[in-house]
């Protein structure tokens, strides 16, 4: 009985890893679309979001099956309940990456994003998502803690981008609409960072049974 349960937990882990990889793909594609205006990257981001939605449903069903059929206790129950929380954050990451791609579609190819630190913010956010998933795979509390602390860096970059865009609008009102779109994109990156932080916190909880306090 326990061997079967362990096999199902391994399957759950693998599904979460796959969903995390899809999140990374969705964000990376939306960033490449922002920088290069390659429509293939826009389609990749949107398709990755669709796959993330399907994966969320699959994992939910698997978790429900484990809860009902296996009646897990203690550590196993924490892992399953944390997985349900994590996939909710991953689903939102997919949505926000797709939203970024939709906004970029309306931005003319003018390179205005190069005037801000938005690319730095994108890279920092992708790293948070990648590391949060890796912390789950490796059961690495230290890495999860680093993800939580790195959210401060993303927040600081958002403030910097916001100030840069305010100054840019004052300097060139002709491009005001594009600058507002870029501010929305930066806000989505900031939210993705928050979701990555949540994932890291649930990783720590699944291992220790305690909620993280790295602030």
N, C-alpha and C. Protein backbone atom coordinates (compact mmCIF):
# COMPACT_ATOMS: atom_id res chain seq x y z
N UNK A 1 0.83 -1.20 0.00
CA UNK A 1 0.00 0.00 0.00
C UNK A 1 0.87 1.27 0.00
N UNK A 2 1.90 1.26 0.87
CA UNK A 2 2.78 2.42 0.95
C UNK A 2 3.57 2.61 -0.34
N UNK A 3 3.99 1.50 -0.97
CA UNK A 3 4.74 1.60 -2.21
C UNK A 3 3.91 2.29 -3.29
N UNK A 4 2.62 1.95 -3.35
CA UNK A 4 1.73 2.56 -4.32
C UNK A 4 1.59 4.05 -4.04
N UNK A 5 1.48 4.39 -2.78
CA UNK A 5 1.34 5.79 -2.39
C UNK A 5 2.61 6.57 -2.76
N UNK A 6 3.76 5.97 -2.50
CA UNK A 6 5.03 6.63 -2.86
C UNK A 6 5.13 6.85 -4.36
N UNK A 7 4.66 5.88 -5.14
CA UNK A 7 4.67 6.04 -6.60
C UNK A 7 3.79 7.21 -7.02
N UNK A 8 2.63 7.35 -6.37
CA UNK A 8 1.73 8.45 -6.70
C UNK A 8 2.32 9.80 -6.29
N UNK A 9 3.02 9.82 -5.16
CA UNK A 9 3.68 11.06 -4.74
C UNK A 9 4.79 11.45 -5.72
N UNK A 10 5.52 10.46 -6.21
CA UNK A 10 6.56 10.73 -7.20
C UNK A 10 5.94 11.29 -8.48
N UNK A 11 4.80 10.71 -8.86
CA UNK A 11 4.09 11.22 -10.03
C UNK A 11 3.64 12.66 -9.81
N UNK A 12 3.16 12.96 -8.61
CA UNK A 12 2.76 14.32 -8.27
C UNK A 12 3.96 15.27 -8.39
N UNK A 13 5.09 14.87 -7.87
CA UNK A 13 6.31 15.70 -7.96
C UNK A 13 6.67 15.97 -9.41
N UNK A 14 6.61 14.93 -10.23
CA UNK A 14 6.97 15.09 -11.64
C UNK A 14 6.01 16.03 -12.37
N UNK A 15 4.73 15.93 -12.02
CA UNK A 15 3.73 16.81 -12.63
C UNK A 15 3.98 18.26 -12.24
N UNK A 16 4.33 18.49 -10.98
CA UNK A 16 4.64 19.84 -10.52
C UNK A 16 5.88 20.40 -11.23
N UNK A 17 6.88 19.54 -11.42
CA UNK A 17 8.09 19.96 -12.13
C UNK A 17 7.75 20.36 -13.57
N UNK A 18 6.91 19.56 -14.21
CA UNK A 18 6.49 19.87 -15.58
C UNK A 18 5.73 21.19 -15.63
N UNK A 19 4.84 21.40 -14.67
CA UNK A 19 4.08 22.64 -14.64
C UNK A 19 5.00 23.84 -14.40
N UNK A 20 5.99 23.67 -13.54
CA UNK A 20 6.96 24.72 -13.30
C UNK A 20 7.75 25.06 -14.55
N UNK A 21 8.13 24.04 -15.29
CA UNK A 21 8.88 24.27 -16.54
C UNK A 21 8.02 25.03 -17.55
N UNK A 22 6.73 24.74 -17.58
CA UNK A 22 5.82 25.46 -18.48
C UNK A 22 5.72 26.93 -18.08
N UNK A 23 5.73 27.19 -16.77
CA UNK A 23 5.72 28.58 -16.30
C UNK A 23 6.96 29.33 -16.77
N UNK A 24 8.12 28.67 -16.65
CA UNK A 24 9.36 29.29 -17.10
C UNK A 24 9.30 29.57 -18.60
N UNK A 25 8.74 28.62 -19.36
CA UNK A 25 8.64 28.79 -20.81
C UNK A 25 7.71 29.96 -21.15
N UNK A 26 6.58 30.07 -20.43
CA UNK A 26 5.63 31.13 -20.70
C UNK A 26 6.25 32.50 -20.46
N UNK A 27 6.97 32.64 -19.34
CA UNK A 27 7.59 33.92 -19.04
C UNK A 27 8.71 34.24 -20.04
N UNK A 28 9.57 33.26 -20.28
CA UNK A 28 10.70 33.49 -21.19
C UNK A 28 10.21 33.88 -22.58
N UNK A 29 9.15 33.24 -23.05
CA UNK A 29 8.61 33.54 -24.38
C UNK A 29 8.04 34.95 -24.42
N UNK A 30 7.33 35.34 -23.36
CA UNK A 30 6.76 36.70 -23.34
C UNK A 30 7.86 37.75 -23.30
N UNK A 31 8.96 37.46 -22.59
CA UNK A 31 10.08 38.41 -22.54
C UNK A 31 10.76 38.52 -23.90
N UNK A 32 10.97 37.37 -24.56
CA UNK A 32 11.58 37.40 -25.90
C UNK A 32 10.69 38.15 -26.88
N UNK A 33 9.39 38.00 -26.72
CA UNK A 33 8.46 38.72 -27.58
C UNK A 33 8.56 40.23 -27.33
N UNK A 34 8.70 40.61 -26.06
CA UNK A 34 8.86 42.02 -25.71
C UNK A 34 10.11 42.61 -26.35
N UNK A 35 11.20 41.86 -26.29
CA UNK A 35 12.49 42.38 -26.77
C UNK A 35 12.61 42.30 -28.29
N UNK A 36 12.22 41.15 -28.87
CA UNK A 36 12.46 40.90 -30.29
C UNK A 36 11.23 41.11 -31.18
N UNK A 37 10.05 41.22 -30.57
CA UNK A 37 8.78 41.33 -31.31
C UNK A 37 8.59 40.15 -32.28
N UNK A 38 9.02 38.96 -31.83
CA UNK A 38 8.87 37.74 -32.63
C UNK A 38 7.51 37.12 -32.30
N UNK A 39 6.61 37.12 -33.28
CA UNK A 39 5.24 36.64 -33.04
C UNK A 39 5.20 35.16 -32.63
N UNK A 40 6.20 34.40 -33.02
CA UNK A 40 6.26 33.00 -32.61
C UNK A 40 6.36 32.91 -31.09
N UNK A 41 7.11 33.84 -30.50
CA UNK A 41 7.26 33.85 -29.04
C UNK A 41 5.93 34.18 -28.36
N UNK A 42 5.14 35.08 -28.97
CA UNK A 42 3.81 35.39 -28.43
C UNK A 42 2.94 34.13 -28.42
N UNK A 43 2.94 33.40 -29.52
CA UNK A 43 2.15 32.18 -29.60
C UNK A 43 2.63 31.15 -28.59
N UNK A 44 3.95 31.08 -28.41
CA UNK A 44 4.51 30.13 -27.43
C UNK A 44 4.03 30.45 -26.02
N UNK A 45 4.01 31.73 -25.67
CA UNK A 45 3.57 32.14 -24.33
C UNK A 45 2.12 31.78 -24.09
N UNK A 46 1.29 32.04 -25.09
CA UNK A 46 -0.15 31.77 -24.96
C UNK A 46 -0.41 30.27 -24.90
N UNK A 47 0.30 29.50 -25.71
CA UNK A 47 0.13 28.04 -25.70
C UNK A 47 0.63 27.45 -24.38
N UNK A 48 1.73 27.98 -23.86
CA UNK A 48 2.23 27.49 -22.57
C UNK A 48 1.21 27.75 -21.47
N UNK A 49 0.53 28.90 -21.54
CA UNK A 49 -0.52 29.21 -20.56
C UNK A 49 -1.65 28.20 -20.65
N UNK A 50 -2.04 27.82 -21.86
CA UNK A 50 -3.09 26.81 -22.03
C UNK A 50 -2.67 25.48 -21.41
N UNK A 51 -1.42 25.09 -21.65
CA UNK A 51 -0.93 23.84 -21.08
C UNK A 51 -0.86 23.90 -19.56
N UNK A 52 -0.52 25.07 -19.03
CA UNK A 52 -0.48 25.25 -17.58
C UNK A 52 -1.87 25.05 -16.99
N UNK A 53 -2.88 25.60 -17.64
CA UNK A 53 -4.26 25.44 -17.17
C UNK A 53 -4.66 23.97 -17.15
N UNK A 54 -4.29 23.24 -18.20
CA UNK A 54 -4.62 21.80 -18.24
C UNK A 54 -3.87 21.05 -17.15
N UNK A 55 -2.61 21.42 -16.97
CA UNK A 55 -1.80 20.74 -15.96
C UNK A 55 -2.36 21.00 -14.56
N UNK A 56 -2.86 22.22 -14.33
CA UNK A 56 -3.46 22.51 -13.02
C UNK A 56 -4.63 21.58 -12.75
N UNK A 57 -5.49 21.37 -13.75
CA UNK A 57 -6.64 20.47 -13.56
C UNK A 57 -6.17 19.05 -13.30
N UNK A 58 -5.17 18.59 -14.04
CA UNK A 58 -4.65 17.22 -13.85
C UNK A 58 -4.11 17.04 -12.43
N UNK A 59 -3.35 18.01 -11.95
CA UNK A 59 -2.74 17.90 -10.63
C UNK A 59 -3.80 17.98 -9.53
N UNK A 60 -4.80 18.83 -9.72
CA UNK A 60 -5.90 18.90 -8.76
C UNK A 60 -6.57 17.54 -8.61
N UNK A 61 -6.85 16.89 -9.74
CA UNK A 61 -7.49 15.58 -9.71
C UNK A 61 -6.60 14.56 -9.01
N UNK A 62 -5.30 14.61 -9.29
CA UNK A 62 -4.37 13.69 -8.65
C UNK A 62 -4.33 13.91 -7.14
N UNK A 63 -4.30 15.16 -6.72
CA UNK A 63 -4.28 15.47 -5.28
C UNK A 63 -5.55 14.99 -4.59
N UNK A 64 -6.69 15.21 -5.25
CA UNK A 64 -7.96 14.77 -4.66
C UNK A 64 -7.98 13.25 -4.52
N UNK A 65 -7.46 12.57 -5.53
CA UNK A 65 -7.40 11.11 -5.48
C UNK A 65 -6.52 10.64 -4.32
N UNK A 66 -5.39 11.30 -4.13
CA UNK A 66 -4.49 10.94 -3.03
C UNK A 66 -5.15 11.18 -1.68
N UNK A 67 -5.86 12.29 -1.56
CA UNK A 67 -6.51 12.63 -0.29
C UNK A 67 -7.64 11.65 0.05
N UNK A 68 -8.41 11.28 -0.97
CA UNK A 68 -9.57 10.43 -0.74
C UNK A 68 -9.19 8.96 -0.59
N UNK A 69 -8.33 8.49 -1.48
CA UNK A 69 -8.00 7.07 -1.50
C UNK A 69 -6.94 6.67 -0.48
N UNK A 70 -5.98 7.55 -0.23
CA UNK A 70 -4.85 7.18 0.61
C UNK A 70 -4.95 7.72 2.04
N UNK A 71 -5.75 8.74 2.25
CA UNK A 71 -5.90 9.35 3.57
C UNK A 71 -4.53 9.61 4.22
N UNK A 72 -3.73 10.46 3.61
CA UNK A 72 -2.37 10.71 4.10
C UNK A 72 -2.37 11.44 5.44
N UNK A 73 -1.29 11.28 6.16
CA UNK A 73 -1.15 11.96 7.45
C UNK A 73 0.17 12.74 7.47
N UNK A 74 0.26 13.69 8.39
CA UNK A 74 1.49 14.43 8.71
C UNK A 74 2.20 14.96 7.47
N UNK A 75 3.44 14.51 7.24
CA UNK A 75 4.29 15.05 6.18
C UNK A 75 3.64 14.91 4.81
N UNK A 76 3.07 13.73 4.53
CA UNK A 76 2.46 13.50 3.22
C UNK A 76 1.29 14.45 2.99
N UNK A 77 0.52 14.70 4.01
CA UNK A 77 -0.61 15.62 3.89
C UNK A 77 -0.12 17.03 3.60
N UNK A 78 0.97 17.42 4.23
CA UNK A 78 1.55 18.76 3.98
C UNK A 78 2.00 18.89 2.53
N UNK A 79 2.61 17.85 2.01
CA UNK A 79 3.08 17.89 0.62
C UNK A 79 1.91 18.07 -0.33
N UNK A 80 0.85 17.32 -0.10
CA UNK A 80 -0.30 17.39 -1.00
C UNK A 80 -1.01 18.73 -0.90
N UNK A 81 -1.22 19.20 0.33
CA UNK A 81 -1.90 20.49 0.50
C UNK A 81 -1.04 21.63 -0.05
N UNK A 82 0.28 21.54 0.11
CA UNK A 82 1.18 22.55 -0.45
C UNK A 82 1.14 22.53 -1.98
N UNK A 83 1.06 21.33 -2.55
CA UNK A 83 0.99 21.20 -4.01
C UNK A 83 -0.25 21.91 -4.55
N UNK A 84 -1.37 21.77 -3.85
CA UNK A 84 -2.60 22.44 -4.28
C UNK A 84 -2.45 23.96 -4.25
N UNK A 85 -1.75 24.47 -3.25
CA UNK A 85 -1.49 25.90 -3.17
C UNK A 85 -0.53 26.35 -4.27
N UNK A 86 0.52 25.55 -4.50
CA UNK A 86 1.54 25.91 -5.49
C UNK A 86 0.97 25.99 -6.90
N UNK A 87 0.10 25.06 -7.26
CA UNK A 87 -0.41 25.06 -8.63
C UNK A 87 -1.33 26.26 -8.87
N UNK A 88 -1.95 26.76 -7.80
CA UNK A 88 -2.75 27.98 -7.95
C UNK A 88 -1.85 29.16 -8.32
N UNK A 89 -0.69 29.26 -7.65
CA UNK A 89 0.25 30.33 -7.98
C UNK A 89 0.84 30.13 -9.37
N UNK A 90 1.14 28.89 -9.73
CA UNK A 90 1.69 28.63 -11.06
C UNK A 90 0.69 28.99 -12.15
N UNK A 91 -0.59 28.71 -11.89
CA UNK A 91 -1.61 29.04 -12.88
C UNK A 91 -1.69 30.55 -13.09
N UNK A 92 -1.56 31.30 -12.01
CA UNK A 92 -1.58 32.76 -12.12
C UNK A 92 -0.33 33.27 -12.86
N UNK A 93 0.80 32.62 -12.64
CA UNK A 93 2.01 33.00 -13.38
C UNK A 93 1.80 32.82 -14.88
N UNK A 94 1.18 31.71 -15.26
CA UNK A 94 0.89 31.48 -16.68
C UNK A 94 -0.03 32.53 -17.24
N UNK A 95 -1.06 32.88 -16.48
CA UNK A 95 -1.99 33.92 -16.92
C UNK A 95 -1.28 35.25 -17.14
N UNK A 96 -0.42 35.60 -16.20
CA UNK A 96 0.23 36.91 -16.27
C UNK A 96 1.28 36.96 -17.38
N UNK A 97 1.94 35.84 -17.63
CA UNK A 97 2.87 35.79 -18.76
C UNK A 97 2.11 35.96 -20.07
N UNK A 98 0.94 35.32 -20.17
CA UNK A 98 0.11 35.47 -21.36
C UNK A 98 -0.41 36.90 -21.48
N UNK A 99 -0.76 37.52 -20.35
CA UNK A 99 -1.22 38.92 -20.37
C UNK A 99 -0.12 39.85 -20.88
N UNK A 100 1.13 39.57 -20.48
CA UNK A 100 2.25 40.38 -20.97
C UNK A 100 2.34 40.28 -22.49
N UNK A 101 2.22 39.05 -23.00
CA UNK A 101 2.29 38.86 -24.45
C UNK A 101 1.18 39.62 -25.17
N UNK A 102 -0.01 39.65 -24.56
CA UNK A 102 -1.13 40.38 -25.18
C UNK A 102 -0.87 41.88 -25.20
N UNK A 103 -0.27 42.40 -24.15
CA UNK A 103 0.04 43.83 -24.11
C UNK A 103 1.13 44.17 -25.14
N UNK A 104 2.15 43.32 -25.22
CA UNK A 104 3.25 43.57 -26.16
C UNK A 104 2.74 43.65 -27.59
N UNK A 105 1.68 42.87 -27.88
CA UNK A 105 1.12 42.86 -29.24
C UNK A 105 0.72 44.25 -29.70
N UNK A 106 0.38 45.12 -28.75
CA UNK A 106 -0.09 46.46 -29.11
C UNK A 106 1.03 47.51 -29.03
N UNK A 107 2.24 47.08 -28.69
CA UNK A 107 3.36 48.01 -28.62
C UNK A 107 4.10 48.03 -29.94
N UNK A 108 4.28 49.21 -30.48
CA UNK A 108 5.02 49.32 -31.73
C UNK A 108 6.49 48.98 -31.50
N UNK A 109 7.13 48.52 -32.56
CA UNK A 109 8.55 48.16 -32.44
C UNK A 109 9.38 49.44 -32.44
N UNK A 110 9.53 50.00 -31.22
CA UNK A 110 10.26 51.26 -31.12
C UNK A 110 11.41 51.21 -30.12
N UNK A 111 11.58 50.09 -29.45
CA UNK A 111 12.73 49.92 -28.56
C UNK A 111 12.68 50.77 -27.30
N UNK A 112 11.50 51.31 -26.96
CA UNK A 112 11.42 52.17 -25.79
C UNK A 112 11.70 51.43 -24.49
N UNK A 113 11.45 50.09 -24.51
CA UNK A 113 11.71 49.33 -23.28
C UNK A 113 13.19 49.37 -22.90
N UNK A 114 14.07 49.64 -23.88
CA UNK A 114 15.51 49.68 -23.60
C UNK A 114 15.88 50.89 -22.75
N UNK A 115 14.96 51.86 -22.63
CA UNK A 115 15.23 53.05 -21.83
C UNK A 115 15.01 52.80 -20.34
N UNK A 116 14.52 51.64 -20.00
CA UNK A 116 14.22 51.32 -18.60
C UNK A 116 14.95 50.04 -18.17
N UNK A 117 14.78 49.71 -16.89
CA UNK A 117 15.34 48.48 -16.35
C UNK A 117 14.35 47.31 -16.42
N UNK A 118 13.39 47.37 -17.34
CA UNK A 118 12.37 46.34 -17.39
C UNK A 118 12.95 44.98 -17.77
N UNK A 119 14.01 44.97 -18.59
CA UNK A 119 14.65 43.69 -18.94
C UNK A 119 15.33 43.07 -17.71
N UNK A 120 15.95 43.92 -16.89
CA UNK A 120 16.56 43.43 -15.65
C UNK A 120 15.49 42.85 -14.73
N UNK A 121 14.35 43.52 -14.68
CA UNK A 121 13.25 43.05 -13.86
C UNK A 121 12.74 41.69 -14.36
N UNK A 122 12.65 41.55 -15.67
CA UNK A 122 12.19 40.29 -16.26
C UNK A 122 13.16 39.16 -15.90
N UNK A 123 14.46 39.42 -16.03
CA UNK A 123 15.45 38.38 -15.72
C UNK A 123 15.38 37.98 -14.24
N UNK A 124 15.23 38.97 -13.36
CA UNK A 124 15.17 38.68 -11.93
C UNK A 124 13.93 37.86 -11.59
N UNK A 125 12.83 38.16 -12.28
CA UNK A 125 11.58 37.43 -12.04
C UNK A 125 11.67 36.00 -12.52
N UNK A 126 12.24 35.81 -13.72
CA UNK A 126 12.41 34.45 -14.24
C UNK A 126 13.27 33.63 -13.29
N UNK A 127 14.33 34.24 -12.76
CA UNK A 127 15.20 33.52 -11.82
C UNK A 127 14.43 33.10 -10.57
N UNK A 128 13.55 33.99 -10.08
CA UNK A 128 12.75 33.63 -8.91
C UNK A 128 11.87 32.41 -9.18
N UNK A 129 11.22 32.41 -10.34
CA UNK A 129 10.35 31.28 -10.68
C UNK A 129 11.16 30.00 -10.84
N UNK A 130 12.28 30.10 -11.57
CA UNK A 130 13.14 28.93 -11.77
C UNK A 130 13.64 28.37 -10.44
N UNK A 131 14.11 29.26 -9.57
CA UNK A 131 14.66 28.82 -8.29
C UNK A 131 13.58 28.28 -7.36
N UNK A 132 12.37 28.83 -7.44
CA UNK A 132 11.30 28.32 -6.57
C UNK A 132 10.95 26.89 -6.96
N UNK A 133 10.92 26.61 -8.26
CA UNK A 133 10.65 25.24 -8.71
C UNK A 133 11.81 24.33 -8.36
N UNK A 134 13.04 24.82 -8.54
CA UNK A 134 14.20 24.00 -8.20
C UNK A 134 14.26 23.70 -6.71
N UNK A 135 13.84 24.65 -5.89
CA UNK A 135 13.83 24.42 -4.44
C UNK A 135 12.86 23.30 -4.09
N UNK A 136 11.76 23.21 -4.84
CA UNK A 136 10.82 22.12 -4.63
C UNK A 136 11.42 20.79 -5.06
N UNK A 137 12.03 20.78 -6.24
CA UNK A 137 12.62 19.55 -6.78
C UNK A 137 13.68 19.01 -5.83
N UNK A 138 14.53 19.89 -5.34
CA UNK A 138 15.66 19.48 -4.50
C UNK A 138 15.33 19.48 -3.01
N UNK A 139 14.09 19.91 -2.66
CA UNK A 139 13.71 20.03 -1.24
C UNK A 139 14.75 20.90 -0.52
N UNK A 140 15.08 22.04 -1.15
CA UNK A 140 16.16 22.91 -0.70
C UNK A 140 15.58 24.13 0.02
N UNK A 141 15.58 24.10 1.34
CA UNK A 141 15.03 25.20 2.13
C UNK A 141 15.84 26.47 1.94
N UNK A 142 17.16 26.33 1.82
CA UNK A 142 18.03 27.49 1.65
C UNK A 142 17.71 28.22 0.35
N UNK A 143 17.52 27.48 -0.73
CA UNK A 143 17.19 28.10 -2.01
C UNK A 143 15.81 28.76 -1.96
N UNK A 144 14.87 28.09 -1.31
CA UNK A 144 13.54 28.68 -1.17
C UNK A 144 13.62 30.00 -0.39
N UNK A 145 14.43 30.02 0.64
CA UNK A 145 14.61 31.25 1.40
C UNK A 145 15.21 32.37 0.57
N UNK A 146 16.14 32.01 -0.33
CA UNK A 146 16.75 33.01 -1.21
C UNK A 146 15.70 33.60 -2.16
N UNK A 147 14.79 32.75 -2.63
CA UNK A 147 13.72 33.23 -3.51
C UNK A 147 12.88 34.28 -2.78
N UNK A 148 12.54 33.99 -1.54
CA UNK A 148 11.73 34.91 -0.75
C UNK A 148 12.44 36.25 -0.58
N UNK A 149 13.73 36.20 -0.29
CA UNK A 149 14.48 37.45 -0.12
C UNK A 149 14.62 38.20 -1.45
N UNK A 150 14.73 37.46 -2.54
CA UNK A 150 14.91 38.10 -3.85
C UNK A 150 13.68 38.88 -4.31
N UNK A 151 12.55 38.64 -3.67
CA UNK A 151 11.37 39.41 -4.04
C UNK A 151 11.58 40.89 -3.77
N UNK A 152 12.41 41.21 -2.77
CA UNK A 152 12.72 42.62 -2.49
C UNK A 152 13.45 43.25 -3.68
N UNK A 153 14.32 42.48 -4.34
CA UNK A 153 15.03 43.00 -5.51
C UNK A 153 14.07 43.31 -6.64
N UNK A 154 13.11 42.41 -6.87
CA UNK A 154 12.12 42.64 -7.93
C UNK A 154 11.26 43.85 -7.60
N UNK A 155 10.86 43.98 -6.34
CA UNK A 155 10.07 45.15 -5.93
C UNK A 155 10.85 46.45 -6.15
N UNK A 156 12.14 46.43 -5.82
CA UNK A 156 12.98 47.62 -6.00
C UNK A 156 13.12 47.96 -7.49
N UNK A 157 13.26 46.93 -8.32
CA UNK A 157 13.34 47.16 -9.76
C UNK A 157 12.03 47.71 -10.31
N UNK A 158 10.92 47.25 -9.76
CA UNK A 158 9.63 47.79 -10.19
C UNK A 158 9.54 49.28 -9.89
N UNK A 159 9.96 49.65 -8.69
CA UNK A 159 9.95 51.08 -8.33
C UNK A 159 10.84 51.88 -9.27
N UNK A 160 12.00 51.30 -9.62
CA UNK A 160 12.93 51.99 -10.52
C UNK A 160 12.31 52.15 -11.91
N UNK A 161 11.71 51.06 -12.42
CA UNK A 161 11.07 51.13 -13.74
C UNK A 161 9.93 52.14 -13.73
N UNK A 162 9.13 52.12 -12.67
CA UNK A 162 8.01 53.07 -12.56
C UNK A 162 8.50 54.51 -12.62
N UNK A 163 9.56 54.80 -11.87
CA UNK A 163 10.10 56.16 -11.87
C UNK A 163 10.69 56.53 -13.24
N UNK A 164 11.34 55.56 -13.87
CA UNK A 164 11.91 55.80 -15.20
C UNK A 164 10.80 56.12 -16.21
N UNK A 165 9.69 55.40 -16.10
CA UNK A 165 8.60 55.60 -17.05
C UNK A 165 7.86 56.92 -16.80
N UNK A 166 7.74 57.30 -15.54
CA UNK A 166 7.13 58.60 -15.23
C UNK A 166 7.97 59.72 -15.84
N UNK A 167 9.28 59.61 -15.67
CA UNK A 167 10.18 60.62 -16.23
C UNK A 167 10.10 60.62 -17.76
N UNK A 168 9.99 59.41 -18.35
CA UNK A 168 9.94 59.30 -19.81
C UNK A 168 8.68 59.95 -20.37
N UNK A 169 7.55 59.76 -19.69
CA UNK A 169 6.29 60.38 -20.13
C UNK A 169 6.41 61.90 -20.08
N UNK A 170 7.02 62.41 -19.02
CA UNK A 170 7.19 63.86 -18.90
C UNK A 170 8.07 64.41 -20.02
N UNK A 171 9.02 63.59 -20.46
CA UNK A 171 9.97 64.03 -21.47
C UNK A 171 9.41 63.89 -22.89
N UNK A 172 8.52 62.90 -23.08
CA UNK A 172 8.01 62.62 -24.43
C UNK A 172 6.57 62.12 -24.34
N UNK A 173 5.63 63.05 -24.37
CA UNK A 173 4.22 62.67 -24.26
C UNK A 173 3.73 61.91 -25.48
N UNK A 174 4.43 62.03 -26.60
CA UNK A 174 4.02 61.33 -27.82
C UNK A 174 4.01 59.82 -27.62
N UNK A 175 4.88 59.33 -26.74
CA UNK A 175 4.98 57.89 -26.50
C UNK A 175 4.32 57.46 -25.19
N UNK A 176 3.44 58.31 -24.67
CA UNK A 176 2.84 58.06 -23.36
C UNK A 176 2.11 56.71 -23.32
N UNK A 177 1.37 56.38 -24.38
CA UNK A 177 0.61 55.13 -24.39
C UNK A 177 1.51 53.91 -24.26
N UNK A 178 2.64 53.95 -24.98
CA UNK A 178 3.59 52.84 -24.90
C UNK A 178 4.20 52.74 -23.51
N UNK A 179 4.51 53.88 -22.93
CA UNK A 179 5.09 53.86 -21.59
C UNK A 179 4.10 53.29 -20.56
N UNK A 180 2.84 53.60 -20.73
CA UNK A 180 1.83 53.05 -19.83
C UNK A 180 1.73 51.53 -20.00
N UNK A 181 1.81 51.07 -21.26
CA UNK A 181 1.81 49.62 -21.51
C UNK A 181 3.02 48.96 -20.83
N UNK A 182 4.17 49.61 -20.92
CA UNK A 182 5.37 49.06 -20.28
C UNK A 182 5.23 49.03 -18.77
N UNK A 183 4.55 50.02 -18.20
CA UNK A 183 4.32 50.02 -16.76
C UNK A 183 3.42 48.85 -16.36
N UNK A 184 2.41 48.55 -17.18
CA UNK A 184 1.54 47.41 -16.91
C UNK A 184 2.34 46.10 -16.97
N UNK A 185 3.24 46.00 -17.94
CA UNK A 185 4.08 44.80 -18.06
C UNK A 185 4.96 44.66 -16.82
N UNK A 186 5.55 45.76 -16.39
CA UNK A 186 6.39 45.72 -15.18
C UNK A 186 5.58 45.27 -13.97
N UNK A 187 4.34 45.74 -13.90
CA UNK A 187 3.47 45.34 -12.78
C UNK A 187 3.19 43.85 -12.82
N UNK A 188 3.00 43.29 -14.01
CA UNK A 188 2.79 41.84 -14.13
C UNK A 188 4.04 41.07 -13.68
N UNK A 189 5.23 41.58 -14.04
CA UNK A 189 6.45 40.92 -13.57
C UNK A 189 6.53 40.96 -12.04
N UNK A 190 6.14 42.09 -11.47
CA UNK A 190 6.15 42.22 -10.01
C UNK A 190 5.21 41.21 -9.37
N UNK A 191 4.05 41.00 -9.98
CA UNK A 191 3.09 40.02 -9.46
C UNK A 191 3.61 38.60 -9.61
N UNK A 192 4.27 38.33 -10.73
CA UNK A 192 4.85 36.99 -10.93
C UNK A 192 5.88 36.71 -9.83
N UNK A 193 6.68 37.74 -9.49
CA UNK A 193 7.62 37.58 -8.39
C UNK A 193 6.93 37.23 -7.09
N UNK A 194 5.78 37.86 -6.84
CA UNK A 194 5.01 37.54 -5.63
C UNK A 194 4.56 36.08 -5.63
N UNK A 195 4.13 35.60 -6.78
CA UNK A 195 3.68 34.20 -6.87
C UNK A 195 4.86 33.24 -6.67
N UNK A 196 6.02 33.59 -7.21
CA UNK A 196 7.21 32.75 -7.00
C UNK A 196 7.57 32.71 -5.52
N UNK A 197 7.44 33.85 -4.85
CA UNK A 197 7.68 33.89 -3.40
C UNK A 197 6.70 32.98 -2.67
N UNK A 198 5.42 33.01 -3.08
CA UNK A 198 4.43 32.13 -2.46
C UNK A 198 4.81 30.67 -2.62
N UNK A 199 5.25 30.31 -3.83
CA UNK A 199 5.64 28.91 -4.09
C UNK A 199 6.77 28.50 -3.16
N UNK A 200 7.77 29.38 -3.02
CA UNK A 200 8.90 29.08 -2.13
C UNK A 200 8.43 28.90 -0.69
N UNK A 201 7.49 29.72 -0.27
CA UNK A 201 6.96 29.60 1.09
C UNK A 201 6.25 28.26 1.29
N UNK A 202 5.52 27.81 0.27
CA UNK A 202 4.84 26.52 0.39
C UNK A 202 5.83 25.36 0.34
N UNK A 203 6.93 25.54 -0.38
CA UNK A 203 7.99 24.51 -0.37
C UNK A 203 8.52 24.35 1.05
N UNK A 204 8.80 25.46 1.71
CA UNK A 204 9.32 25.41 3.08
C UNK A 204 8.31 24.78 4.02
N UNK A 205 7.04 25.15 3.85
CA UNK A 205 6.01 24.57 4.71
C UNK A 205 5.89 23.06 4.49
N UNK A 206 5.98 22.61 3.24
CA UNK A 206 5.83 21.18 2.95
C UNK A 206 6.95 20.37 3.60
N UNK A 207 8.12 21.00 3.78
CA UNK A 207 9.26 20.30 4.36
C UNK A 207 9.28 20.38 5.88
N UNK A 208 8.99 21.56 6.40
CA UNK A 208 9.17 21.82 7.84
C UNK A 208 7.88 21.84 8.65
N UNK A 209 6.76 22.07 7.96
CA UNK A 209 5.50 22.22 8.69
C UNK A 209 5.34 23.61 9.27
N UNK A 210 6.28 24.50 8.97
CA UNK A 210 6.22 25.87 9.48
C UNK A 210 6.19 26.85 8.31
N UNK A 211 5.46 27.93 8.51
CA UNK A 211 5.41 28.96 7.48
C UNK A 211 6.69 29.80 7.54
N UNK A 212 7.19 30.15 6.36
CA UNK A 212 8.47 30.84 6.27
C UNK A 212 8.39 32.23 6.87
N UNK A 213 9.50 32.67 7.44
CA UNK A 213 9.62 34.05 7.92
C UNK A 213 11.01 34.55 7.61
N UNK A 214 11.17 35.03 6.36
CA UNK A 214 12.49 35.48 5.90
C UNK A 214 12.52 36.98 5.72
N UNK A 215 11.50 37.66 6.18
CA UNK A 215 11.47 39.11 6.00
C UNK A 215 12.41 39.79 6.97
